[in-house]
Amino acid sequence: MAVVTDPPILINNATDRGTAPFSGPFEIGSALYLVSNETTPTPGIHVWKSLDSGATWTLQDSANQPTTDGDSYDVTLIGTVFFIAVQNIVINPNENLQMITFDTATDTYGALVDSGRTVALGANVRMAALSDLSLVIVYQKPDTSIKFTTFAAGVFGAEVAFAAAASQAPRAIVIDLSDVAHVFWSKTVTGTTTLNHTTITAGVVSAPQAVHANTNSVFVTSKSPAVIWGDKLVFPSRTDIAATAAAGVWIGTPIAAPVWSFELVDDIDWPGLGFPGESDVLPFVFLGGDGLLYVFWTALDYDDIANIIDREYYKTNDGSGWSDPILFYDAVTDPQTADPVAPEDQFIHVTNFTLLSDNTTIGAFIALETPTFCAPFYLIPTPCDPVVTVNGIVVPNNGEPFALPPGVEGQPYGPVQIVFSEGPSESWEYSIPVGNLPPGLTMGPGTPSNPAPTTTTEVGVPIQGTPTFTSFSGPVTTFFTMRGRLIG
């Protein structure tokens, strides 16, 4: 079963022109924020806020939102303030690079700052923050060259040459612990597209390093951030054949002098499952607060209208290898119902994912089709049916008593591990329903058991110790039961 089976939440029935590497959700206190680029009610940047975990969204400070014609933008959160690099049209077909802030302490925009520099219409703008909180911004010029600049204390820095003209576009930027900016960008010459890696160190641009080249450019992605994972650079990508492109990542290690290799992530046997025309799009990577590397991808096959797949999968990697694929969302079996369309028209577009602060819930902001727009939606993971196990054996999860292994007086007991799984990090209630545990045994983090229910947000509860008795002589075997259930 997919992680998300509830209908997606429609945020705004308008076209989402999102091309930022990551548009949200951003978690600030108890609120979630999204920073999108939509066509209505006013074309431009929209900041949305939710105070109920994504169930409802409210547009913030609409009277002062920046109007933009360019699709491309980028957003960086510093403290509680969003810095949003945008394109505002000046003389068609060129636009000016501008910066606006949004302060979540007041939920209002700051003043728009114009750089006076033109950028190519709709071309990617990529931005990241250095340790001194200044921003490095990389963008494409109308002549298809790439430049970069900085933004600090409300002022743009000088425009600096990055790469000469020739069908180029910045794809992603990430900054390491030494304040080195790693920029991924593409260049197409005589039909061959090359993905390059270049660094910017204290304003100095390195020579470009080719990561991969092919006559088919499907391996170059433009919507996902790159990440630093330990001593590795990770860039989301796909295999080279468009008709059967499979999601993967380019990994460069060590960071200071990366050697690049491609790791396939989507290794599902699609032809064996009856989908020979399946192809992946929109690979997306992020590093979770749990230390895992996450890779999401959209699996599509529209060859047979009666047998469509339009799904979102992900895998994780803890450094020892990739997990099994996890189906996160299926747009065919669980379509949006706010303004529905036929299954063959309901395909996933823009995707954004992150792990929220509970290190369990995945925040997901995507775009889906409505009859009129490619609109922004929020996906809320469906609560799982909790499973309680005792030493791996499934027991009742609804508060009914279940038997624990017997204990013998004077002999070490346990630890018996009662594990609560298949659900988010919620509150669990557990207790021994009749009497106490025998003296010498403890339940939970070193706390003696008693009949009163005890709550925990831990994933499990151990019982261990050496039971002793005073009412009998000689070894005594005792049998006892326990209850456990999810309470919220």
Protein backbone atom coordinates (compact mmCIF):
# COMPACT_ATOMS: atom_id res chain seq x y z
CA MET A 1 0.00 0.00 0.00
CA ALA A 2 1.19 3.51 -0.77
CA VAL A 3 2.32 5.76 2.07
CA VAL A 4 -0.19 8.36 0.83
CA THR A 5 -3.70 7.08 0.06
CA ASP A 6 -5.80 10.07 1.14
CA PRO A 7 -6.77 12.51 -1.64
CA PRO A 8 -4.14 15.20 -2.26
CA ILE A 9 -4.92 18.61 -0.74
CA LEU A 10 -5.51 21.31 -3.38
CA ILE A 11 -3.61 24.44 -2.39
CA ASN A 12 -4.60 26.76 -5.23
CA ASN A 13 -6.42 25.93 -8.47
CA ALA A 14 -3.89 27.76 -10.61
CA THR A 15 -0.93 26.77 -12.74
CA ASP A 16 2.14 26.08 -10.63
CA ARG A 17 5.16 27.31 -12.59
CA GLY A 18 7.52 25.98 -9.97
CA THR A 19 11.07 25.50 -11.12
CA ALA A 20 12.89 26.10 -7.85
CA PRO A 21 14.94 23.08 -6.75
CA PHE A 22 12.95 23.01 -3.52
CA SER A 23 9.74 24.98 -2.87
CA GLY A 24 8.73 23.42 0.42
CA PRO A 25 7.38 22.40 2.76
CA PHE A 26 9.58 24.44 5.07
CA GLU A 27 8.91 23.70 8.74
CA ILE A 28 9.08 26.75 11.01
CA GLY A 29 7.85 26.18 14.53
CA SER A 30 4.43 24.57 14.30
CA ALA A 31 3.78 25.96 10.81
CA LEU A 32 4.50 24.66 7.33
CA TYR A 33 5.31 27.05 4.46
CA LEU A 34 5.38 26.67 0.70
CA VAL A 35 6.96 29.19 -1.69
CA SER A 36 5.49 28.72 -5.15
CA ASN A 37 5.22 30.56 -8.46
CA GLU A 38 1.61 30.53 -9.68
CA THR A 39 -0.57 32.26 -12.27
CA THR A 40 -3.48 33.35 -10.04
CA PRO A 41 -4.78 35.26 -8.21
CA THR A 42 -1.77 37.38 -9.28
CA PRO A 43 1.01 35.89 -11.42
CA GLY A 44 4.13 35.56 -9.32
CA ILE A 45 5.50 34.32 -6.04
CA HIS A 46 2.99 32.95 -3.53
CA VAL A 47 3.82 32.10 0.08
CA TRP A 48 1.36 29.64 1.61
CA LYS A 49 1.09 28.75 5.30
CA SER A 50 -0.49 25.79 7.08
CA LEU A 51 -1.10 25.48 10.81
CA ASP A 52 -2.73 22.04 10.65
CA SER A 53 0.03 19.83 9.20
CA GLY A 54 -0.92 20.60 5.61
CA ALA A 55 -4.69 20.01 5.73
CA THR A 56 -5.45 23.66 4.86
CA TRP A 57 -3.33 26.47 3.40
CA THR A 58 -3.63 30.27 3.55
CA LEU A 59 -2.00 32.73 1.14
CA GLN A 60 0.20 35.23 3.00
CA ASP A 61 0.55 38.99 2.35
CA SER A 62 -0.97 38.77 -1.12
CA ALA A 63 -1.11 42.57 -1.39
CA ASN A 64 2.68 42.77 -1.50
CA GLN A 65 3.65 39.63 -3.38
CA PRO A 66 6.11 40.16 -6.26
CA THR A 67 4.69 39.87 -9.76
CA THR A 68 6.86 37.80 -12.08
CA ASP A 69 6.59 36.62 -15.66
CA GLY A 70 9.60 34.32 -15.51
CA ASP A 71 9.08 30.73 -14.44
CA SER A 72 12.41 30.31 -12.72
CA TYR A 73 13.10 31.30 -9.14
CA ASP A 74 14.92 29.93 -6.11
CA VAL A 75 14.37 30.22 -2.40
CA THR A 76 16.70 29.92 0.59
CA LEU A 77 15.55 29.97 4.22
CA ILE A 78 17.91 31.73 6.62
CA GLY A 79 16.59 31.64 10.18
CA THR A 80 12.94 32.60 9.79
CA VAL A 81 13.38 34.68 6.63
CA PHE A 82 12.94 33.46 3.06
CA PHE A 83 15.24 34.96 0.45
CA ILE A 84 13.58 34.57 -2.94
CA ALA A 85 15.51 35.22 -6.16
CA VAL A 86 13.07 36.00 -8.97
CA GLN A 87 12.94 37.17 -12.57
CA ASN A 88 10.89 40.26 -13.36
CA ILE A 89 10.33 41.14 -16.97
CA VAL A 90 11.93 44.38 -18.21
CA ILE A 91 12.30 44.20 -22.00
CA ASN A 92 11.00 41.03 -23.61
CA PRO A 93 12.57 38.48 -24.02
CA ASN A 94 14.94 39.35 -21.18
CA GLU A 95 14.28 39.81 -17.48
CA ASN A 96 16.04 41.32 -14.51
CA LEU A 97 17.32 39.34 -11.56
CA GLN A 98 15.68 40.55 -8.35
CA MET A 99 15.54 39.56 -4.68
CA ILE A 100 12.70 39.77 -2.23
CA THR A 101 12.46 38.55 1.36
CA PHE A 102 9.55 37.12 3.31
CA ASP A 103 9.72 37.21 7.11
CA THR A 104 7.78 34.39 8.75
CA ALA A 105 7.86 36.25 12.08
CA THR A 106 5.40 38.75 10.60
CA ASP A 107 4.32 36.84 7.47
CA THR A 108 5.11 39.85 5.30
CA TYR A 109 7.33 40.61 2.31
CA GLY A 110 10.25 42.99 2.39
CA ALA A 111 11.22 45.46 -0.31
CA LEU A 112 12.07 44.17 -3.78
CA VAL A 113 15.75 44.70 -4.68
CA ASP A 114 16.69 44.91 -8.37
CA SER A 115 20.15 43.78 -9.51
CA GLY A 116 20.12 45.69 -12.79
CA ARG A 117 21.33 42.48 -14.54
CA THR A 118 19.40 40.70 -17.24
CA VAL A 119 18.83 36.97 -17.18
CA ALA A 120 17.54 34.71 -19.93
CA LEU A 121 13.77 34.44 -19.97
CA GLY A 122 12.67 31.42 -17.95
CA ALA A 123 16.24 30.17 -17.47
CA ASN A 124 17.29 28.56 -14.21
CA VAL A 125 18.34 30.68 -11.24
CA ARG A 126 20.16 28.74 -8.51
CA MET A 127 21.09 30.05 -5.06
CA ALA A 128 22.66 28.87 -1.78
CA ALA A 129 23.89 30.47 1.46
CA LEU A 130 27.48 30.65 2.72
CA SER A 131 28.33 30.40 6.41
CA ASP A 132 28.34 34.21 6.72
CA LEU A 133 24.72 34.12 5.46
CA SER A 134 25.57 35.82 2.18
CA LEU A 135 24.04 34.22 -0.89
CA VAL A 136 25.73 32.92 -4.03
CA ILE A 137 23.43 33.16 -7.07
CA VAL A 138 24.16 31.48 -10.40
CA TYR A 139 22.10 32.29 -13.51
CA GLN A 140 22.04 32.15 -17.29
CA LYS A 141 22.40 35.31 -19.37
CA PRO A 142 20.47 36.05 -22.60
CA ASP A 143 23.57 35.02 -24.63
CA THR A 144 23.45 31.57 -22.85
CA SER A 145 26.60 32.26 -20.85
CA ILE A 146 26.51 31.71 -17.08
CA LYS A 147 27.32 34.38 -14.50
CA PHE A 148 27.20 34.49 -10.75
CA THR A 149 26.79 37.19 -8.15
CA THR A 150 26.32 37.51 -4.42
CA PHE A 151 23.67 39.08 -2.21
CA ALA A 152 24.44 40.34 1.31
CA ALA A 153 22.97 43.00 3.59
CA GLY A 154 20.35 43.81 0.99
CA VAL A 155 22.84 44.52 -1.81
CA PHE A 156 23.85 42.57 -4.92
CA GLY A 157 27.57 42.10 -5.50
CA ALA A 158 29.44 42.32 -8.78
CA GLU A 159 28.50 40.10 -11.70
CA VAL A 160 31.26 37.54 -12.31
CA ALA A 161 31.89 35.34 -15.35
CA PHE A 162 31.33 31.64 -14.74
CA ALA A 163 31.12 29.93 -18.15
CA ALA A 164 31.12 31.15 -21.76
CA ALA A 165 28.13 31.00 -24.07
CA ALA A 166 26.93 27.76 -25.68
CA SER A 167 23.50 26.44 -24.64
CA GLN A 168 24.25 26.29 -20.93
CA ALA A 169 22.08 26.22 -17.83
CA PRO A 170 22.81 26.04 -14.10
CA ARG A 171 21.19 22.94 -12.62
CA ALA A 172 22.00 22.88 -8.90
CA ILE A 173 24.25 24.48 -6.30
CA VAL A 174 25.31 23.17 -2.89
CA ILE A 175 27.84 24.60 -0.42
CA ASP A 176 30.17 22.43 1.67
CA LEU A 177 31.52 22.99 5.18
CA SER A 178 34.54 24.84 3.78
CA ASP A 179 32.28 27.41 2.09
CA VAL A 180 33.04 26.03 -1.34
CA ALA A 181 30.06 26.32 -3.71
CA HIS A 182 29.63 23.28 -5.94
CA VAL A 183 27.72 24.18 -9.09
CA PHE A 184 26.25 21.63 -11.50
CA TRP A 185 25.53 22.94 -14.98
CA SER A 186 24.95 21.60 -18.46
CA LYS A 187 26.37 22.49 -21.85
CA THR A 188 25.19 21.28 -25.25
CA VAL A 189 27.56 21.42 -28.23
CA THR A 190 26.92 19.77 -31.61
CA GLY A 191 24.24 17.52 -30.18
CA THR A 192 26.12 16.31 -27.10
CA THR A 193 25.07 17.42 -23.64
CA THR A 194 27.62 17.44 -20.84
CA LEU A 195 26.89 17.71 -17.13
CA ASN A 196 29.69 19.69 -15.49
CA HIS A 197 30.80 20.30 -11.91
CA THR A 198 32.53 23.59 -11.11
CA THR A 199 33.45 25.15 -7.76
CA ILE A 200 33.42 28.74 -6.56
CA THR A 201 35.83 29.38 -3.69
CA ALA A 202 35.99 32.91 -2.27
CA GLY A 203 34.81 34.23 -5.63
CA VAL A 204 37.29 32.19 -7.69
CA VAL A 205 35.83 29.84 -10.31
CA SER A 206 37.54 26.48 -10.90
CA ALA A 207 37.98 24.77 -14.23
CA PRO A 208 34.92 22.69 -15.14
CA GLN A 209 34.94 18.96 -14.50
CA ALA A 210 32.84 16.77 -16.78
CA VAL A 211 30.58 14.40 -14.85
CA HIS A 212 28.83 12.72 -17.79
CA ALA A 213 28.11 13.35 -21.48
CA ASN A 214 25.61 11.86 -23.92
CA THR A 215 23.78 12.75 -27.11
CA ASN A 216 20.54 12.30 -25.17
CA SER A 217 20.16 14.91 -22.44
CA VAL A 218 17.59 13.03 -20.32
CA PHE A 219 20.23 12.40 -17.64
CA VAL A 220 20.37 16.12 -16.86
CA THR A 221 17.77 17.15 -14.29
CA SER A 222 16.92 20.72 -13.40
CA LYS A 223 14.35 20.53 -10.63
CA SER A 224 16.06 18.81 -7.71
CA PRO A 225 18.73 20.09 -5.36
CA ALA A 226 22.11 18.42 -5.21
CA VAL A 227 23.23 17.35 -1.73
CA ILE A 228 26.36 16.69 0.27
CA TRP A 229 26.26 13.28 1.94
CA GLY A 230 29.25 12.79 4.18
CA ASP A 231 32.25 13.16 1.87
CA LYS A 232 30.13 12.70 -1.24
CA LEU A 233 28.44 15.01 -3.72
CA VAL A 234 25.12 13.64 -4.98
CA PHE A 235 23.34 14.82 -8.12
CA PRO A 236 19.97 13.27 -9.15
CA SER A 237 19.88 11.85 -12.65
CA ARG A 238 18.53 9.16 -14.97
CA THR A 239 19.90 6.61 -17.36
CA ASP A 240 20.51 7.78 -20.92
CA ILE A 241 17.68 6.23 -22.98
CA ALA A 242 14.58 8.44 -22.79
CA ALA A 243 12.03 5.71 -23.50
CA THR A 244 13.16 3.63 -20.53
CA ALA A 245 15.04 6.17 -18.39
CA ALA A 246 15.55 4.89 -14.85
CA ALA A 247 16.24 7.09 -11.83
CA GLY A 248 19.70 7.12 -10.31
CA VAL A 249 22.33 9.42 -8.87
CA TRP A 250 25.77 10.62 -9.84
CA ILE A 251 28.04 10.40 -6.79
CA GLY A 252 31.36 12.21 -6.58
CA THR A 253 33.87 11.39 -3.85
CA PRO A 254 35.83 12.81 -2.16
CA ILE A 255 34.31 16.28 -2.22
CA ALA A 256 37.68 18.03 -2.66
CA ALA A 257 38.55 16.04 -5.81
CA PRO A 258 35.48 14.04 -6.81
CA VAL A 259 35.62 10.94 -8.95
CA TRP A 260 32.18 10.34 -10.41
CA SER A 261 30.16 7.15 -10.69
CA PHE A 262 26.51 6.47 -11.46
CA GLU A 263 24.35 4.42 -9.10
CA LEU A 264 21.06 3.06 -10.37
CA VAL A 265 18.23 3.59 -7.88
CA ASP A 266 15.13 2.41 -9.73
CA ASP A 267 15.93 -1.26 -10.30
CA ILE A 268 12.29 -2.37 -10.43
CA ASP A 269 11.65 -4.96 -13.18
CA TRP A 270 9.03 -2.92 -15.01
CA PRO A 271 8.80 -5.18 -18.09
CA GLY A 272 8.32 -8.14 -15.75
CA LEU A 273 5.45 -6.26 -14.11
CA GLY A 274 3.81 -5.66 -17.47
CA PHE A 275 5.04 -2.11 -18.07
CA PRO A 276 7.71 -2.33 -20.82
CA GLY A 277 7.28 1.34 -21.66
CA GLU A 278 7.83 2.63 -18.13
CA SER A 279 10.13 5.63 -17.83
CA ASP A 280 11.20 7.66 -14.79
CA VAL A 281 11.09 11.45 -14.52
CA LEU A 282 11.72 14.02 -11.79
CA PRO A 283 14.40 12.33 -9.67
CA PHE A 284 14.68 14.24 -6.39
CA VAL A 285 17.25 13.87 -3.60
CA PHE A 286 17.48 15.16 -0.05
CA LEU A 287 19.34 14.32 3.14
CA GLY A 288 16.99 13.60 6.05
CA GLY A 289 17.50 14.58 9.65
CA ASP A 290 17.77 10.84 10.30
CA GLY A 291 21.05 10.82 8.33
CA LEU A 292 19.59 8.84 5.43
CA LEU A 293 19.91 9.81 1.78
CA TYR A 294 16.48 9.86 0.13
CA VAL A 295 15.87 9.55 -3.60
CA PHE A 296 12.36 10.02 -4.99
CA TRP A 297 11.29 9.49 -8.57
CA THR A 298 8.10 9.51 -10.65
CA ALA A 299 7.35 6.30 -12.56
CA LEU A 300 5.24 6.79 -15.71
CA ASP A 301 3.76 4.51 -18.37
CA TYR A 302 0.97 5.83 -20.58
CA ASP A 303 1.35 3.35 -23.45
CA ASP A 304 -1.87 1.56 -22.51
CA ILE A 305 -4.63 3.92 -21.41
CA ALA A 306 -6.35 1.04 -19.61
CA ASN A 307 -3.18 0.20 -17.67
CA ILE A 308 -1.55 3.50 -16.70
CA ILE A 309 1.03 3.98 -14.00
CA ASP A 310 1.69 7.41 -12.51
CA ARG A 311 3.45 6.79 -9.22
CA GLU A 312 5.94 8.28 -6.82
CA TYR A 313 8.54 5.95 -5.32
CA TYR A 314 11.51 6.42 -3.05
CA LYS A 315 14.51 4.61 -1.65
CA THR A 316 16.86 5.43 1.22
CA ASN A 317 20.54 4.74 1.76
CA ASP A 318 22.26 4.63 5.16
CA GLY A 319 25.69 4.24 3.62
CA SER A 320 25.55 0.47 3.40
CA GLY A 321 23.29 0.24 0.36
CA TRP A 322 19.86 1.09 -1.00
CA SER A 323 16.63 0.06 0.66
CA ASP A 324 13.84 -1.68 -1.20
CA PRO A 325 11.67 0.70 -3.25
CA ILE A 326 8.74 2.20 -1.34
CA LEU A 327 5.58 3.28 -3.14
CA PHE A 328 4.84 6.74 -1.77
CA TYR A 329 1.89 7.87 -3.89
CA ASP A 330 -0.18 6.50 -6.79
CA ALA A 331 -2.00 9.20 -8.74
CA VAL A 332 -4.15 6.62 -10.55
CA THR A 333 -5.51 4.68 -7.59
CA ASP A 334 -5.64 7.73 -5.29
CA PRO A 335 -6.23 10.72 -7.58
CA GLN A 336 -6.90 14.28 -6.55
CA THR A 337 -10.65 14.76 -6.05
CA ALA A 338 -10.80 18.54 -5.64
CA ASP A 339 -11.15 19.13 -9.39
CA PRO A 340 -10.76 15.70 -10.98
CA VAL A 341 -9.62 14.69 -14.45
CA ALA A 342 -9.44 11.39 -16.31
CA PRO A 343 -6.64 9.03 -15.23
CA GLU A 344 -4.82 9.47 -18.54
CA ASP A 345 -4.65 13.21 -17.84
CA GLN A 346 -3.69 12.94 -14.17
CA PHE A 347 0.09 12.95 -14.29
CA ILE A 348 2.52 14.13 -11.63
CA HIS A 349 4.50 17.24 -12.58
CA VAL A 350 6.52 19.24 -10.07
CA THR A 351 7.78 17.39 -6.98
CA ASN A 352 9.28 18.53 -3.67
CA PHE A 353 10.04 16.30 -0.70
CA THR A 354 11.63 16.62 2.74
CA LEU A 355 11.67 14.81 6.06
CA LEU A 356 9.93 16.83 8.75
CA SER A 357 11.40 17.34 12.21
CA ASP A 358 9.78 14.24 13.70
CA ASN A 359 12.16 12.27 11.42
CA THR A 360 9.19 10.15 10.37
CA THR A 361 6.78 12.25 8.31
CA ILE A 362 7.66 13.10 4.72
CA GLY A 363 6.43 16.50 3.58
CA ALA A 364 5.42 16.39 -0.08
CA PHE A 365 4.49 19.31 -2.34
CA ILE A 366 3.66 18.36 -5.94
CA ALA A 367 1.74 19.58 -8.98
CA LEU A 368 -1.13 17.62 -10.53
CA GLU A 369 -3.49 18.28 -13.41
CA THR A 370 -6.93 19.82 -13.02
CA PRO A 371 -9.19 20.45 -16.03
CA THR A 372 -7.73 23.96 -16.33
CA PHE A 373 -4.37 24.07 -14.58
CA CYS A 374 -1.32 22.13 -13.48
CA ALA A 375 -2.05 23.01 -9.88
CA PRO A 376 -0.14 22.73 -6.57
CA PHE A 377 -1.18 20.00 -4.13
CA TYR A 378 0.06 18.78 -0.76
CA LEU A 379 0.30 15.08 0.08
CA ILE A 380 -0.42 13.99 3.64
CA PRO A 381 0.87 10.52 4.55
CA THR A 382 -1.97 8.21 5.54
CA PRO A 383 -1.72 6.96 9.14
CA CYS A 384 -0.60 3.36 9.12
CA ASP A 385 -2.29 0.60 11.04
CA PRO A 386 0.05 0.29 14.05
CA VAL A 387 1.67 -3.06 14.69
CA VAL A 388 2.80 -4.22 18.14
CA THR A 389 5.25 -7.10 18.34
CA VAL A 390 6.75 -9.02 21.26
CA ASN A 391 10.12 -10.43 20.26
CA GLY A 392 8.97 -10.31 16.64
CA ILE A 393 5.53 -11.91 17.25
CA VAL A 394 2.56 -9.69 16.34
CA VAL A 395 0.16 -9.13 19.26
CA PRO A 396 -3.05 -7.05 19.63
CA ASN A 397 -2.61 -3.31 19.05
CA ASN A 398 -5.91 -2.09 20.51
CA GLY A 399 -5.34 -2.36 24.24
CA GLU A 400 -6.34 -6.01 24.54
CA PRO A 401 -4.03 -7.99 26.87
CA PHE A 402 -1.35 -10.21 25.39
CA ALA A 403 0.94 -12.76 27.00
CA LEU A 404 4.60 -12.07 27.69
CA PRO A 405 7.20 -14.83 27.86
CA PRO A 406 7.32 -16.49 31.33
CA GLY A 407 10.02 -15.58 33.83
CA VAL A 408 11.77 -17.85 36.35
CA GLU A 409 12.80 -16.63 39.80
CA GLY A 410 16.50 -15.90 40.07
CA GLN A 411 17.19 -16.26 36.38
CA PRO A 412 17.91 -13.25 34.11
CA TYR A 413 14.86 -12.22 32.13
CA GLY A 414 14.93 -10.53 28.77
CA PRO A 415 15.29 -8.08 27.56
CA VAL A 416 11.91 -8.78 26.02
CA GLN A 417 11.36 -6.11 23.39
CA ILE A 418 7.85 -4.81 22.80
CA VAL A 419 8.08 -2.81 19.55
CA PHE A 420 5.52 -0.36 18.17
CA SER A 421 5.94 -0.07 14.41
CA GLU A 422 4.24 0.74 11.10
CA GLY A 423 3.27 4.17 12.26
CA PRO A 424 4.63 7.64 12.96
CA SER A 425 6.30 8.60 16.19
CA GLU A 426 3.11 8.93 18.22
CA SER A 427 2.21 8.39 21.88
CA TRP A 428 1.77 4.81 23.03
CA GLU A 429 0.10 3.60 26.20
CA TYR A 430 1.31 0.39 27.80
CA SER A 431 0.71 -1.31 31.13
CA ILE A 432 0.59 -4.58 33.03
CA PRO A 433 -3.18 -4.94 33.49
CA VAL A 434 -3.15 -7.19 36.60
CA GLY A 435 -0.68 -6.61 39.43
CA ASN A 436 2.90 -5.49 39.10
CA LEU A 437 5.85 -7.06 37.41
CA PRO A 438 7.70 -9.30 39.87
CA PRO A 439 10.34 -7.48 41.92
CA GLY A 440 13.60 -7.18 40.03
CA LEU A 441 12.01 -6.55 36.61
CA THR A 442 11.67 -3.14 35.04
CA MET A 443 9.63 -1.96 32.09
CA GLY A 444 10.70 0.91 29.89
CA PRO A 445 13.73 3.10 30.54
CA GLY A 446 14.60 1.68 33.99
CA THR A 447 11.25 2.48 35.59
CA PRO A 448 9.60 -0.20 37.78
CA SER A 449 6.25 -1.29 36.41
CA ASN A 450 2.94 -0.63 38.10
CA PRO A 451 -0.68 -1.16 37.03
CA ALA A 452 -1.13 2.48 35.98
CA PRO A 453 -0.81 3.00 32.20
CA THR A 454 2.46 4.58 31.12
CA THR A 455 2.93 6.53 27.89
CA THR A 456 5.93 6.78 25.63
CA THR A 457 6.89 8.12 22.21
CA GLU A 458 9.71 5.62 21.87
CA VAL A 459 9.46 2.93 19.21
CA GLY A 460 9.64 0.16 21.78
CA VAL A 461 9.61 -0.82 25.44
CA PRO A 462 12.03 -3.38 26.94
CA ILE A 463 11.29 -5.56 29.96
CA GLN A 464 14.31 -7.00 31.69
CA GLY A 465 15.93 -7.83 35.01
CA THR A 466 16.08 -10.82 37.38
CA PRO A 467 12.73 -11.69 38.98
CA THR A 468 12.62 -12.37 42.72
CA PHE A 469 9.73 -13.54 44.92
CA THR A 470 9.12 -13.44 48.66
CA SER A 471 5.92 -15.49 48.89
CA PHE A 472 7.35 -18.80 47.75
CA SER A 473 10.40 -20.91 48.34
CA GLY A 474 12.39 -22.28 45.47
CA PRO A 475 12.29 -21.22 41.80
CA VAL A 476 8.91 -20.00 40.65
CA THR A 477 7.76 -19.50 37.07
CA THR A 478 5.46 -16.53 36.58
CA PHE A 479 3.18 -15.73 33.68
CA PHE A 480 1.92 -12.21 33.11
CA THR A 481 0.24 -10.14 30.44
CA MET A 482 0.57 -6.63 29.07
CA ARG A 483 -1.46 -4.12 27.07
CA GLY A 484 -0.25 -1.70 24.38
CA ARG A 485 -2.08 0.69 22.09
CA LEU A 486 -1.68 3.91 20.11
CA ILE A 487 -3.36 6.85 21.84
CA GLY A 488 -2.53 9.77 19.52
